[in-house]
Amino acid sequence: MSSREGDAATAAAPPPELAPAAAGDLSAAAERVAADIGRALAEGRADVLTDEAIQALMAAVCRSYAARVEATGDFPPLAARSLVSSTDVMVTASGLLKSANLAVFELGMWQSWTGR
């Protein structure tokens, strides 16, 4: 094996801390992060996450939820006894639509076409 091949093999393997996590590990980590954020918000610390962290989490959760719905069918994204208020939902939905350059009208049309 040439030194270039050895370098390529070494570079291809991610460091252990960046290796993909098992689904159960990732779910447990996500639940811990959600609990930590909830505690911080309960303490009045709305700036616990940077803008970039919120954007990264929102993008990952949106994609994960959409992929799950596409694969298994519709399910509510929030638990029945969630601490998320109606205002929280509307602020988030409005922000998501604005970020994707979509209007409420377009959402309504898509819902009527897809039955969702």
PDB file of N, CA and C in Angstrom:
ATOM      1  N   MET A   1       0.857  -1.165   0.000  1.00  0.00           N
ATOM      2  CA  MET A   1       0.000   0.000   0.000  1.00  0.00           C
ATOM      3  C   MET A   1       0.896   1.217   0.000  1.00  0.00           C
ATOM      4  N   SER A   2       0.622   2.166  -0.884  1.00  0.00           N
ATOM      5  CA  SER A   2       1.415   3.380  -0.945  1.00  0.00           C
ATOM      6  C   SER A   2       1.042   4.284   0.222  1.00  0.00           C
ATOM      7  N   SER A   3       1.883   5.279   0.464  1.00  0.00           N
ATOM      8  CA  SER A   3       1.576   6.198   1.563  1.00  0.00           C
ATOM      9  C   SER A   3       0.320   7.002   1.266  1.00  0.00           C
ATOM     10  N   ARG A   4       0.053   7.271  -0.029  1.00  0.00           N
ATOM     11  CA  ARG A   4      -1.180   7.974  -0.390  1.00  0.00           C
ATOM     12  C   ARG A   4      -2.396   7.125  -0.061  1.00  0.00           C
ATOM     13  N   GLU A   5      -2.351   5.810  -0.343  1.00  0.00           N
ATOM     14  CA  GLU A   5      -3.477   4.933  -0.035  1.00  0.00           C
ATOM     15  C   GLU A   5      -3.693   4.867   1.472  1.00  0.00           C
ATOM     16  N   GLY A   6      -2.593   4.785   2.217  1.00  0.00           N
ATOM     17  CA  GLY A   6      -2.696   4.760   3.670  1.00  0.00           C
ATOM     18  C   GLY A   6      -3.298   6.041   4.206  1.00  0.00           C
ATOM     19  N   ASP A   7      -2.882   7.199   3.632  1.00  0.00           N
ATOM     20  CA  ASP A   7      -3.445   8.481   4.048  1.00  0.00           C
ATOM     21  C   ASP A   7      -4.934   8.541   3.744  1.00  0.00           C
ATOM     22  N   ALA A   8      -5.338   8.042   2.574  1.00  0.00           N
ATOM     23  CA  ALA A   8      -6.747   8.067   2.192  1.00  0.00           C
ATOM     24  C   ALA A   8      -7.569   7.181   3.125  1.00  0.00           C
ATOM     25  N   ALA A   9      -7.040   6.018   3.482  1.00  0.00           N
ATOM     26  CA  ALA A   9      -7.764   5.119   4.386  1.00  0.00           C
ATOM     27  C   ALA A   9      -7.916   5.749   5.763  1.00  0.00           C
ATOM     28  N   THR A  10      -6.857   6.419   6.232  1.00  0.00           N
ATOM     29  CA  THR A  10      -6.912   7.074   7.528  1.00  0.00           C
ATOM     30  C   THR A  10      -7.901   8.229   7.504  1.00  0.00           C
ATOM     31  N   ALA A  11      -7.883   9.017   6.427  1.00  0.00           N
ATOM     32  CA  ALA A  11      -8.767  10.166   6.317  1.00  0.00           C
ATOM     33  C   ALA A  11     -10.234   9.746   6.183  1.00  0.00           C
ATOM     34  N   ALA A  12     -10.496   8.567   5.624  1.00  0.00           N
ATOM     35  CA  ALA A  12     -11.875   8.124   5.398  1.00  0.00           C
ATOM     36  C   ALA A  12     -12.577   7.744   6.694  1.00  0.00           C
ATOM     37  N   ALA A  13     -11.844   7.299   7.690  1.00  0.00           N
ATOM     38  CA  ALA A  13     -12.451   6.885   8.956  1.00  0.00           C
ATOM     39  C   ALA A  13     -12.645   8.105   9.844  1.00  0.00           C
ATOM     40  N   PRO A  14     -13.896   8.403  10.241  1.00  0.00           N
ATOM     41  CA  PRO A  14     -14.114   9.564  11.104  1.00  0.00           C
ATOM     42  C   PRO A  14     -13.565   9.298  12.498  1.00  0.00           C
ATOM     43  N   PRO A  15     -13.162  10.348  13.189  1.00  0.00           N
ATOM     44  CA  PRO A  15     -12.729  10.158  14.570  1.00  0.00           C
ATOM     45  C   PRO A  15     -13.871   9.566  15.385  1.00  0.00           C
ATOM     46  N   PRO A  16     -13.572   8.828  16.440  1.00  0.00           N
ATOM     47  CA  PRO A  16     -14.632   8.180  17.228  1.00  0.00           C
ATOM     48  C   PRO A  16     -15.718   9.141  17.696  1.00  0.00           C
ATOM     49  N   GLU A  17     -15.354  10.369  18.062  1.00  0.00           N
ATOM     50  CA  GLU A  17     -16.368  11.313  18.544  1.00  0.00           C
ATOM     51  C   GLU A  17     -17.287  11.798  17.428  1.00  0.00           C
ATOM     52  N   LEU A  18     -16.905  11.587  16.151  1.00  0.00           N
ATOM     53  CA  LEU A  18     -17.739  11.987  15.027  1.00  0.00           C
ATOM     54  C   LEU A  18     -18.404  10.799  14.341  1.00  0.00           C
ATOM     55  N   ALA A  19     -18.123   9.601  14.822  1.00  0.00           N
ATOM     56  CA  ALA A  19     -18.718   8.407  14.216  1.00  0.00           C
ATOM     57  C   ALA A  19     -20.226   8.432  14.436  1.00  0.00           C
ATOM     58  N   PRO A  20     -20.994   7.908  13.467  1.00  0.00           N
ATOM     59  CA  PRO A  20     -22.459   7.904  13.623  1.00  0.00           C
ATOM     60  C   PRO A  20     -22.885   7.160  14.888  1.00  0.00           C
ATOM     61  N   ALA A  21     -23.861   7.719  15.577  1.00  0.00           N
ATOM     62  CA  ALA A  21     -24.381   7.092  16.797  1.00  0.00           C
ATOM     63  C   ALA A  21     -25.501   6.134  16.440  1.00  0.00           C
ATOM     64  N   ALA A  22     -25.681   5.132  17.263  1.00  0.00           N
ATOM     65  CA  ALA A  22     -26.818   4.232  17.102  1.00  0.00           C
ATOM     66  C   ALA A  22     -28.094   5.017  17.367  1.00  0.00           C
ATOM     67  N   ALA A  23     -29.196   4.599  16.763  1.00  0.00           N
ATOM     68  CA  ALA A  23     -30.461   5.327  16.891  1.00  0.00           C
ATOM     69  C   ALA A  23     -30.863   5.520  18.349  1.00  0.00           C
ATOM     70  N   GLY A  24     -30.709   4.497  19.162  1.00  0.00           N
ATOM     71  CA  GLY A  24     -31.060   4.610  20.580  1.00  0.00           C
ATOM     72  C   GLY A  24     -30.189   5.618  21.300  1.00  0.00           C
ATOM     73  N   ASP A  25     -28.890   5.622  20.981  1.00  0.00           N
ATOM     74  CA  ASP A  25     -27.985   6.588  21.596  1.00  0.00           C
ATOM     75  C   ASP A  25     -28.357   8.007  21.188  1.00  0.00           C
ATOM     76  N   LEU A  26     -28.661   8.186  19.912  1.00  0.00           N
ATOM     77  CA  LEU A  26     -29.013   9.510  19.410  1.00  0.00           C
ATOM     78  C   LEU A  26     -30.330   9.985  20.004  1.00  0.00           C
ATOM     79  N   SER A  27     -31.301   9.099  20.120  1.00  0.00           N
ATOM     80  CA  SER A  27     -32.579   9.465  20.733  1.00  0.00           C
ATOM     81  C   SER A  27     -32.392   9.859  22.191  1.00  0.00           C
ATOM     82  N   ALA A  28     -31.587   9.115  22.920  1.00  0.00           N
ATOM     83  CA  ALA A  28     -31.332   9.436  24.330  1.00  0.00           C
ATOM     84  C   ALA A  28     -30.625  10.782  24.443  1.00  0.00           C
ATOM     85  N   ALA A  29     -29.668  11.037  23.570  1.00  0.00           N
ATOM     86  CA  ALA A  29     -28.964  12.321  23.587  1.00  0.00           C
ATOM     87  C   ALA A  29     -29.922  13.468  23.268  1.00  0.00           C
ATOM     88  N   ALA A  30     -30.811  13.258  22.291  1.00  0.00           N
ATOM     89  CA  ALA A  30     -31.783  14.291  21.925  1.00  0.00           C
ATOM     90  C   ALA A  30     -32.720  14.580  23.095  1.00  0.00           C
ATOM     91  N   GLU A  31     -33.146  13.544  23.799  1.00  0.00           N
ATOM     92  CA  GLU A  31     -34.025  13.738  24.958  1.00  0.00           C
ATOM     93  C   GLU A  31     -33.309  14.496  26.073  1.00  0.00           C
ATOM     94  N   ARG A  32     -32.006  14.219  26.267  1.00  0.00           N
ATOM     95  CA  ARG A  32     -31.231  14.953  27.268  1.00  0.00           C
ATOM     96  C   ARG A  32     -31.108  16.425  26.881  1.00  0.00           C
ATOM     97  N   VAL A  33     -30.823  16.695  25.600  1.00  0.00           N
ATOM     98  CA  VAL A  33     -30.705  18.077  25.131  1.00  0.00           C
ATOM     99  C   VAL A  33     -32.044  18.790  25.307  1.00  0.00           C
ATOM    100  N   ALA A  34     -33.138  18.133  24.940  1.00  0.00           N
ATOM    101  CA  ALA A  34     -34.466  18.739  25.087  1.00  0.00           C
ATOM    102  C   ALA A  34     -34.743  19.069  26.558  1.00  0.00           C
ATOM    103  N   ALA A  35     -34.399  18.168  27.456  1.00  0.00           N
ATOM    104  CA  ALA A  35     -34.619  18.404  28.890  1.00  0.00           C
ATOM    105  C   ALA A  35     -33.754  19.567  29.382  1.00  0.00           C
ATOM    106  N   ASP A  36     -32.513  19.625  28.943  1.00  0.00           N
ATOM    107  CA  ASP A  36     -31.620  20.724  29.334  1.00  0.00           C
ATOM    108  C   ASP A  36     -32.158  22.067  28.842  1.00  0.00           C
ATOM    109  N   ILE A  37     -32.638  22.100  27.605  1.00  0.00           N
ATOM    110  CA  ILE A  37     -33.205  23.330  27.059  1.00  0.00           C
ATOM    111  C   ILE A  37     -34.461  23.710  27.844  1.00  0.00           C
ATOM    112  N   GLY A  38     -35.316  22.737  28.139  1.00  0.00           N
ATOM    113  CA  GLY A  38     -36.525  22.998  28.918  1.00  0.00           C
ATOM    114  C   GLY A  38     -36.213  23.585  30.282  1.00  0.00           C
ATOM    115  N   ARG A  39     -35.209  23.024  30.958  1.00  0.00           N
ATOM    116  CA  ARG A  39     -34.823  23.557  32.274  1.00  0.00           C
ATOM    117  C   ARG A  39     -34.323  24.995  32.155  1.00  0.00           C
ATOM    118  N   ALA A  40     -33.491  25.255  31.159  1.00  0.00           N
ATOM    119  CA  ALA A  40     -32.959  26.606  30.966  1.00  0.00           C
ATOM    120  C   ALA A  40     -34.080  27.596  30.685  1.00  0.00           C
ATOM    121  N   LEU A  41     -35.043  27.218  29.855  1.00  0.00           N
ATOM    122  CA  LEU A  41     -36.171  28.108  29.561  1.00  0.00           C
ATOM    123  C   LEU A  41     -37.016  28.346  30.808  1.00  0.00           C
ATOM    124  N   ALA A  42     -37.197  27.305  31.624  1.00  0.00           N
ATOM    125  CA  ALA A  42     -37.959  27.445  32.867  1.00  0.00           C
ATOM    126  C   ALA A  42     -37.272  28.418  33.826  1.00  0.00           C
ATOM    127  N   GLU A  43     -35.955  28.510  33.716  1.00  0.00           N
ATOM    128  CA  GLU A  43     -35.168  29.445  34.534  1.00  0.00           C
ATOM    129  C   GLU A  43     -35.109  30.833  33.908  1.00  0.00           C
ATOM    130  N   GLY A  44     -35.772  31.004  32.765  1.00  0.00           N
ATOM    131  CA  GLY A  44     -35.792  32.307  32.106  1.00  0.00           C
ATOM    132  C   GLY A  44     -34.607  32.579  31.204  1.00  0.00           C
ATOM    133  N   ARG A  45     -33.840  31.551  30.890  1.00  0.00           N
ATOM    134  CA  ARG A  45     -32.653  31.732  30.044  1.00  0.00           C
ATOM    135  C   ARG A  45     -32.997  31.417  28.587  1.00  0.00           C
ATOM    136  N   ALA A  46     -33.576  32.389  27.902  1.00  0.00           N
ATOM    137  CA  ALA A  46     -33.987  32.204  26.507  1.00  0.00           C
ATOM    138  C   ALA A  46     -32.799  32.172  25.564  1.00  0.00           C
ATOM    139  N   ASP A  47     -31.633  32.618  26.028  1.00  0.00           N
ATOM    140  CA  ASP A  47     -30.448  32.659  25.172  1.00  0.00           C
ATOM    141  C   ASP A  47     -29.525  31.458  25.398  1.00  0.00           C
ATOM    142  N   VAL A  48     -30.086  30.365  25.890  1.00  0.00           N
ATOM    143  CA  VAL A  48     -29.279  29.186  26.205  1.00  0.00           C
ATOM    144  C   VAL A  48     -28.628  28.585  24.953  1.00  0.00           C
ATOM    145  N   LEU A  49     -29.250  28.771  23.793  1.00  0.00           N
ATOM    146  CA  LEU A  49     -28.697  28.289  22.530  1.00  0.00           C
ATOM    147  C   LEU A  49     -28.362  29.468  21.629  1.00  0.00           C
ATOM    148  N   THR A  50     -27.306  29.316  20.847  1.00  0.00           N
ATOM    149  CA  THR A  50     -26.990  30.337  19.859  1.00  0.00           C
ATOM    150  C   THR A  50     -27.994  30.250  18.710  1.00  0.00           C
ATOM    151  N   ASP A  51     -28.063  31.300  17.921  1.00  0.00           N
ATOM    152  CA  ASP A  51     -28.928  31.275  16.737  1.00  0.00           C
ATOM    153  C   ASP A  51     -28.561  30.108  15.832  1.00  0.00           C
ATOM    154  N   GLU A  52     -27.260  29.890  15.663  1.00  0.00           N
ATOM    155  CA  GLU A  52     -26.786  28.804  14.794  1.00  0.00           C
ATOM    156  C   GLU A  52     -27.192  27.436  15.331  1.00  0.00           C
ATOM    157  N   ALA A  53     -27.153  27.262  16.637  1.00  0.00           N
ATOM    158  CA  ALA A  53     -27.549  25.981  17.233  1.00  0.00           C
ATOM    159  C   ALA A  53     -29.043  25.732  17.041  1.00  0.00           C
ATOM    160  N   ILE A  54     -29.852  26.786  17.232  1.00  0.00           N
ATOM    161  CA  ILE A  54     -31.295  26.642  17.022  1.00  0.00           C
ATOM    162  C   ILE A  54     -31.574  26.276  15.566  1.00  0.00           C
ATOM    163  N   GLN A  55     -30.906  26.954  14.635  1.00  0.00           N
ATOM    164  CA  GLN A  55     -31.113  26.674  13.219  1.00  0.00           C
ATOM    165  C   GLN A  55     -30.701  25.250  12.868  1.00  0.00           C
ATOM    166  N   ALA A  56     -29.586  24.794  13.403  1.00  0.00           N
ATOM    167  CA  ALA A  56     -29.124  23.429  13.117  1.00  0.00           C
ATOM    168  C   ALA A  56     -30.091  22.390  13.674  1.00  0.00           C
ATOM    169  N   LEU A  57     -30.544  22.602  14.903  1.00  0.00           N
ATOM    170  CA  LEU A  57     -31.499  21.669  15.510  1.00  0.00           C
ATOM    171  C   LEU A  57     -32.835  21.683  14.778  1.00  0.00           C
ATOM    172  N   MET A  58     -33.319  22.877  14.436  1.00  0.00           N
ATOM    173  CA  MET A  58     -34.602  22.987  13.744  1.00  0.00           C
ATOM    174  C   MET A  58     -34.535  22.274  12.399  1.00  0.00           C
ATOM    175  N   ALA A  59     -33.460  22.471  11.663  1.00  0.00           N
ATOM    176  CA  ALA A  59     -33.314  21.813  10.363  1.00  0.00           C
ATOM    177  C   ALA A  59     -33.283  20.298  10.525  1.00  0.00           C
ATOM    178  N   ALA A  60     -32.535  19.808  11.489  1.00  0.00           N
ATOM    179  CA  ALA A  60     -32.435  18.362  11.694  1.00  0.00           C
ATOM    180  C   ALA A  60     -33.771  17.770  12.123  1.00  0.00           C
ATOM    181  N   VAL A  61     -34.481  18.443  13.010  1.00  0.00           N
ATOM    182  CA  VAL A  61     -35.764  17.946  13.483  1.00  0.00           C
ATOM    183  C   VAL A  61     -36.808  17.998  12.361  1.00  0.00           C
ATOM    184  N   CYS A  62     -36.820  19.081  11.585  1.00  0.00           N
ATOM    185  CA  CYS A  62     -37.771  19.167  10.453  1.00  0.00           C
ATOM    186  C   CYS A  62     -37.546  18.030   9.471  1.00  0.00           C
ATOM    187  N   ARG A  63     -36.302  17.793   9.118  1.00  0.00           N
ATOM    188  CA  ARG A  63     -36.002  16.734   8.158  1.00  0.00           C
ATOM    189  C   ARG A  63     -36.322  15.357   8.723  1.00  0.00           C
ATOM    190  N   SER A  64     -36.019  15.157  10.004  1.00  0.00           N
ATOM    191  CA  SER A  64     -36.295  13.870  10.638  1.00  0.00           C
ATOM    192  C   SER A  64     -37.792  13.613  10.721  1.00  0.00           C
ATOM    193  N   TYR A  65     -38.558  14.626  11.122  1.00  0.00           N
ATOM    194  CA  TYR A  65     -40.013  14.481  11.214  1.00  0.00           C
ATOM    195  C   TYR A  65     -40.613  14.192   9.841  1.00  0.00           C
ATOM    196  N   ALA A  66     -40.205  14.957   8.835  1.00  0.00           N
ATOM    197  CA  ALA A  66     -40.734  14.753   7.485  1.00  0.00           C
ATOM    198  C   ALA A  66     -40.390  13.358   6.963  1.00  0.00           C
ATOM    199  N   ALA A  67     -39.173  12.901   7.212  1.00  0.00           N
ATOM    200  CA  ALA A  67     -38.775  11.565   6.758  1.00  0.00           C
ATOM    201  C   ALA A  67     -39.602  10.491   7.466  1.00  0.00           C
ATOM    202  N   ARG A  68     -39.856  10.655   8.758  1.00  0.00           N
ATOM    203  CA  ARG A  68     -40.646   9.686   9.515  1.00  0.00           C
ATOM    204  C   ARG A  68     -42.080   9.643   9.003  1.00  0.00           C
ATOM    205  N   VAL A  69     -42.671  10.817   8.754  1.00  0.00           N
ATOM    206  CA  VAL A  69     -44.042  10.868   8.249  1.00  0.00           C
ATOM    207  C   VAL A  69     -44.118  10.218   6.870  1.00  0.00           C
ATOM    208  N   GLU A  70     -43.149  10.504   6.011  1.00  0.00           N
ATOM    209  CA  GLU A  70     -43.129   9.895   4.677  1.00  0.00           C
ATOM    210  C   GLU A  70     -43.000   8.378   4.762  1.00  0.00           C
ATOM    211  N   ALA A  71     -42.222   7.892   5.721  1.00  0.00           N
ATOM    212  CA  ALA A  71     -41.961   6.457   5.832  1.00  0.00           C
ATOM    213  C   ALA A  71     -43.070   5.691   6.545  1.00  0.00           C
ATOM    214  N   THR A  72     -43.693   6.310   7.549  1.00  0.00           N
ATOM    215  CA  THR A  72     -44.612   5.541   8.399  1.00  0.00           C
ATOM    216  C   THR A  72     -46.019   6.107   8.488  1.00  0.00           C
ATOM    217  N   GLY A  73     -46.256   7.266   7.961  1.00  0.00           N
ATOM    218  CA  GLY A  73     -47.569   7.886   8.081  1.00  0.00           C
ATOM    219  C   GLY A  73     -47.553   8.993   9.102  1.00  0.00           C
ATOM    220  N   ASP A  74     -48.657   9.696   9.183  1.00  0.00           N
ATOM    221  CA  ASP A  74     -48.754  10.874  10.030  1.00  0.00           C
ATOM    222  C   ASP A  74     -48.762  10.502  11.510  1.00  0.00           C
ATOM    223  N   PHE A  75     -48.087  11.298  12.294  1.00  0.00           N
ATOM    224  CA  PHE A  75     -48.182  11.222  13.754  1.00  0.00           C
ATOM    225  C   PHE A  75     -47.953  12.628  14.293  1.00  0.00           C
ATOM    226  N   PRO A  76     -48.508  12.946  15.454  1.00  0.00           N
ATOM    227  CA  PRO A  76     -48.360  14.304  15.972  1.00  0.00           C
ATOM    228  C   PRO A  76     -46.910  14.584  16.381  1.00  0.00           C
ATOM    229  N   PRO A  77     -46.362  15.721  15.966  1.00  0.00           N
ATOM    230  CA  PRO A  77     -44.978  16.025  16.312  1.00  0.00           C
ATOM    231  C   PRO A  77     -44.790  16.413  17.780  1.00  0.00           C
ATOM    232  N   LEU A  78     -45.888  16.723  18.467  1.00  0.00           N
ATOM    233  CA  LEU A  78     -45.812  17.068  19.889  1.00  0.00           C
ATOM    234  C   LEU A  78     -46.644  16.086  20.694  1.00  0.00           C
ATOM    235  N   ALA A  79     -46.144  15.712  21.855  1.00  0.00           N
ATOM    236  CA  ALA A  79     -46.888  14.828  22.750  1.00  0.00           C
ATOM    237  C   ALA A  79     -48.131  15.550  23.263  1.00  0.00           C
ATOM    238  N   ALA A  80     -49.133  14.788  23.646  1.00  0.00           N
ATOM    239  CA  ALA A  80     -50.405  15.358  24.104  1.00  0.00           C
ATOM    240  C   ALA A  80     -50.219  16.307  25.283  1.00  0.00           C
ATOM    241  N   ARG A  81     -49.336  15.991  26.172  1.00  0.00           N
ATOM    242  CA  ARG A  81     -49.135  16.824  27.369  1.00  0.00           C
ATOM    243  C   ARG A  81     -47.874  17.681  27.251  1.00  0.00           C
ATOM    244  N   SER A  82     -47.606  18.153  26.069  1.00  0.00           N
ATOM    245  CA  SER A  82     -46.440  18.979  25.813  1.00  0.00           C
ATOM    246  C   SER A  82     -46.575  20.337  26.491  1.00  0.00           C
ATOM    247  N   LEU A  83     -45.456  20.916  26.842  1.00  0.00           N
ATOM    248  CA  LEU A  83     -45.455  22.256  27.434  1.00  0.00           C
ATOM    249  C   LEU A  83     -45.466  23.346  26.363  1.00  0.00           C
ATOM    250  N   VAL A  84     -45.545  22.949  25.092  1.00  0.00           N
ATOM    251  CA  VAL A  84     -45.551  23.901  23.988  1.00  0.00           C
ATOM    252  C   VAL A  84     -46.931  24.544  23.902  1.00  0.00           C
ATOM    253  N   SER A  85     -46.959  25.873  23.914  1.00  0.00           N
ATOM    254  CA  SER A  85     -48.231  26.595  23.856  1.00  0.00           C
ATOM    255  C   SER A  85     -48.671  26.787  22.404  1.00  0.00           C
ATOM    256  N   SER A  86     -49.915  27.188  22.250  1.00  0.00           N
ATOM    257  CA  SER A  86     -50.431  27.501  20.907  1.00  0.00           C
ATOM    258  C   SER A  86     -49.626  28.637  20.285  1.00  0.00           C
ATOM    259  N   THR A  87     -49.255  29.605  21.097  1.00  0.00           N
ATOM    260  CA  THR A  87     -48.439  30.715  20.597  1.00  0.00           C
ATOM    261  C   THR A  87     -47.072  30.209  20.144  1.00  0.00           C
ATOM    262  N   ASP A  88     -46.461  29.307  20.911  1.00  0.00           N
ATOM    263  CA  ASP A  88     -45.180  28.719  20.508  1.00  0.00           C
ATOM    264  C   ASP A  88     -45.298  28.062  19.138  1.00  0.00           C
ATOM    265  N   VAL A  89     -46.369  27.315  18.941  1.00  0.00           N
ATOM    266  CA  VAL A  89     -46.583  26.615  17.671  1.00  0.00           C
ATOM    267  C   VAL A  89     -46.739  27.627  16.538  1.00  0.00           C
ATOM    268  N   MET A  90     -47.545  28.669  16.760  1.00  0.00           N
ATOM    269  CA  MET A  90     -47.779  29.643  15.696  1.00  0.00           C
ATOM    270  C   MET A  90     -46.519  30.446  15.365  1.00  0.00           C
ATOM    271  N   VAL A  91     -45.761  30.824  16.367  1.00  0.00           N
ATOM    272  CA  VAL A  91     -44.511  31.551  16.128  1.00  0.00           C
ATOM    273  C   VAL A  91     -43.544  30.672  15.333  1.00  0.00           C
ATOM    274  N   THR A  92     -43.438  29.400  15.729  1.00  0.00           N
ATOM    275  CA  THR A  92     -42.536  28.480  15.043  1.00  0.00           C
ATOM    276  C   THR A  92     -42.998  28.197  13.625  1.00  0.00           C
ATOM    277  N   ALA A  93     -44.290  27.915  13.456  1.00  0.00           N
ATOM    278  CA  ALA A  93     -44.819  27.649  12.117  1.00  0.00           C
ATOM    279  C   ALA A  93     -44.626  28.857  11.210  1.00  0.00           C
ATOM    280  N   SER A  94     -44.878  30.049  11.718  1.00  0.00           N
ATOM    281  CA  SER A  94     -44.691  31.262  10.930  1.00  0.00           C
ATOM    282  C   SER A  94     -43.229  31.437  10.540  1.00  0.00           C
ATOM    283  N   GLY A  95     -42.340  31.188  11.481  1.00  0.00           N
ATOM    284  CA  GLY A  95     -40.908  31.302  11.199  1.00  0.00           C
ATOM    285  C   GLY A  95     -40.444  30.285  10.174  1.00  0.00           C
ATOM    286  N   LEU A  96     -40.943  29.059  10.281  1.00  0.00           N
ATOM    287  CA  LEU A  96     -40.579  28.028   9.309  1.00  0.00           C
ATOM    288  C   LEU A  96     -41.067  28.397   7.910  1.00  0.00           C
ATOM    289  N   LEU A  97     -42.310  28.837   7.814  1.00  0.00           N
ATOM    290  CA  LEU A  97     -42.854  29.227   6.509  1.00  0.00           C
ATOM    291  C   LEU A  97     -42.044  30.379   5.921  1.00  0.00           C
ATOM    292  N   LYS A  98     -41.738  31.374   6.731  1.00  0.00           N
ATOM    293  CA  LYS A  98     -40.967  32.527   6.258  1.00  0.00           C
ATOM    294  C   LYS A  98     -39.571  32.097   5.818  1.00  0.00           C
ATOM    295  N   SER A  99     -38.928  31.220   6.591  1.00  0.00           N
ATOM    296  CA  SER A  99     -37.583  30.747   6.244  1.00  0.00           C
ATOM    297  C   SER A  99     -37.565  29.997   4.918  1.00  0.00           C
ATOM    298  N   ALA A 100     -38.654  29.300   4.615  1.00  0.00           N
ATOM    299  CA  ALA A 100     -38.750  28.530   3.368  1.00  0.00           C
ATOM    300  C   ALA A 100     -39.392  29.349   2.246  1.00  0.00           C
ATOM    301  N   ASN A 101     -39.642  30.637   2.519  1.00  0.00           N
ATOM    302  CA  ASN A 101     -40.259  31.532   1.531  1.00  0.00           C
ATOM    303  C   ASN A 101     -41.614  30.993   1.069  1.00  0.00           C
ATOM    304  N   LEU A 102     -42.412  30.555   2.038  1.00  0.00           N
ATOM    305  CA  LEU A 102     -43.753  30.038   1.768  1.00  0.00           C
ATOM    306  C   LEU A 102     -44.795  30.900   2.476  1.00  0.00           C
ATOM    307  N   ALA A 103     -45.983  30.949   1.913  1.00  0.00           N
ATOM    308  CA  ALA A 103     -47.093  31.672   2.527  1.00  0.00           C
ATOM    309  C   ALA A 103     -48.100  30.671   3.087  1.00  0.00           C
ATOM    310  N   VAL A 104     -48.923  31.142   4.005  1.00  0.00           N
ATOM    311  CA  VAL A 104     -49.953  30.284   4.593  1.00  0.00           C
ATOM    312  C   VAL A 104     -50.862  29.737   3.491  1.00  0.00           C
ATOM    313  N   PHE A 105     -51.153  30.550   2.477  1.00  0.00           N
ATOM    314  CA  PHE A 105     -51.972  30.101   1.354  1.00  0.00           C
ATOM    315  C   PHE A 105     -51.359  28.860   0.695  1.00  0.00           C
ATOM    316  N   GLU A 106     -50.041  28.891   0.489  1.00  0.00           N
ATOM    317  CA  GLU A 106     -49.365  27.741  -0.129  1.00  0.00           C
ATOM    318  C   GLU A 106     -49.454  26.503   0.761  1.00  0.00           C
ATOM    319  N   LEU A 107     -49.356  26.694   2.048  1.00  0.00           N
ATOM    320  CA  LEU A 107     -49.519  25.575   2.978  1.00  0.00           C
ATOM    321  C   LEU A 107     -50.921  24.990   2.853  1.00  0.00           C
ATOM    322  N   GLY A 108     -51.928  25.858   2.817  1.00  0.00           N
ATOM    323  CA  GLY A 108     -53.306  25.391   2.664  1.00  0.00           C
ATOM    324  C   GLY A 108     -53.517  24.631   1.364  1.00  0.00           C
ATOM    325  N   MET A 109     -52.955  25.138   0.276  1.00  0.00           N
ATOM    326  CA  MET A 109     -53.077  24.453  -1.013  1.00  0.00           C
ATOM    327  C   MET A 109     -52.395  23.081  -0.955  1.00  0.00           C
ATOM    328  N   TRP A 110     -51.204  23.034  -0.392  1.00  0.00           N
ATOM    329  CA  TRP A 110     -50.473  21.761  -0.289  1.00  0.00           C
ATOM    330  C   TRP A 110     -51.267  20.770   0.558  1.00  0.00           C
ATOM    331  N   GLN A 111     -51.833  21.246   1.663  1.00  0.00           N
ATOM    332  CA  GLN A 111     -52.628  20.361   2.515  1.00  0.00           C
ATOM    333  C   GLN A 111     -53.839  19.814   1.773  1.00  0.00           C
ATOM    334  N   SER A 112     -54.492  20.643   0.961  1.00  0.00           N
ATOM    335  CA  SER A 112     -55.666  20.157   0.223  1.00  0.00           C
ATOM    336  C   SER A 112     -55.260  19.169  -0.869  1.00  0.00           C
ATOM    337  N   TRP A 113     -54.108  19.350  -1.476  1.00  0.00           N
ATOM    338  CA  TRP A 113     -53.632  18.427  -2.519  1.00  0.00           C
ATOM    339  C   TRP A 113     -53.189  17.094  -1.964  1.00  0.00           C
ATOM    340  N   THR A 114     -52.557  17.132  -0.785  1.00  0.00           N
ATOM    341  CA  THR A 114     -51.977  15.906  -0.217  1.00  0.00           C
ATOM    342  C   THR A 114     -52.871  15.234   0.810  1.00  0.00           C
ATOM    343  N   GLY A 115     -53.858  15.950   1.323  1.00  0.00           N
ATOM    344  CA  GLY A 115     -54.712  15.383   2.356  1.00  0.00           C
ATOM    345  C   GLY A 115     -54.058  15.401   3.732  1.00  0.00           C
ATOM    346  N   ARG A 116     -52.992  16.135   3.885  1.00  0.00           N
ATOM    347  CA  ARG A 116     -52.302  16.206   5.191  1.00  0.00           C
ATOM    348  C   ARG A 116     -52.699  17.427   5.949  1.00  0.00           C
TER     349      ARG A 116
END
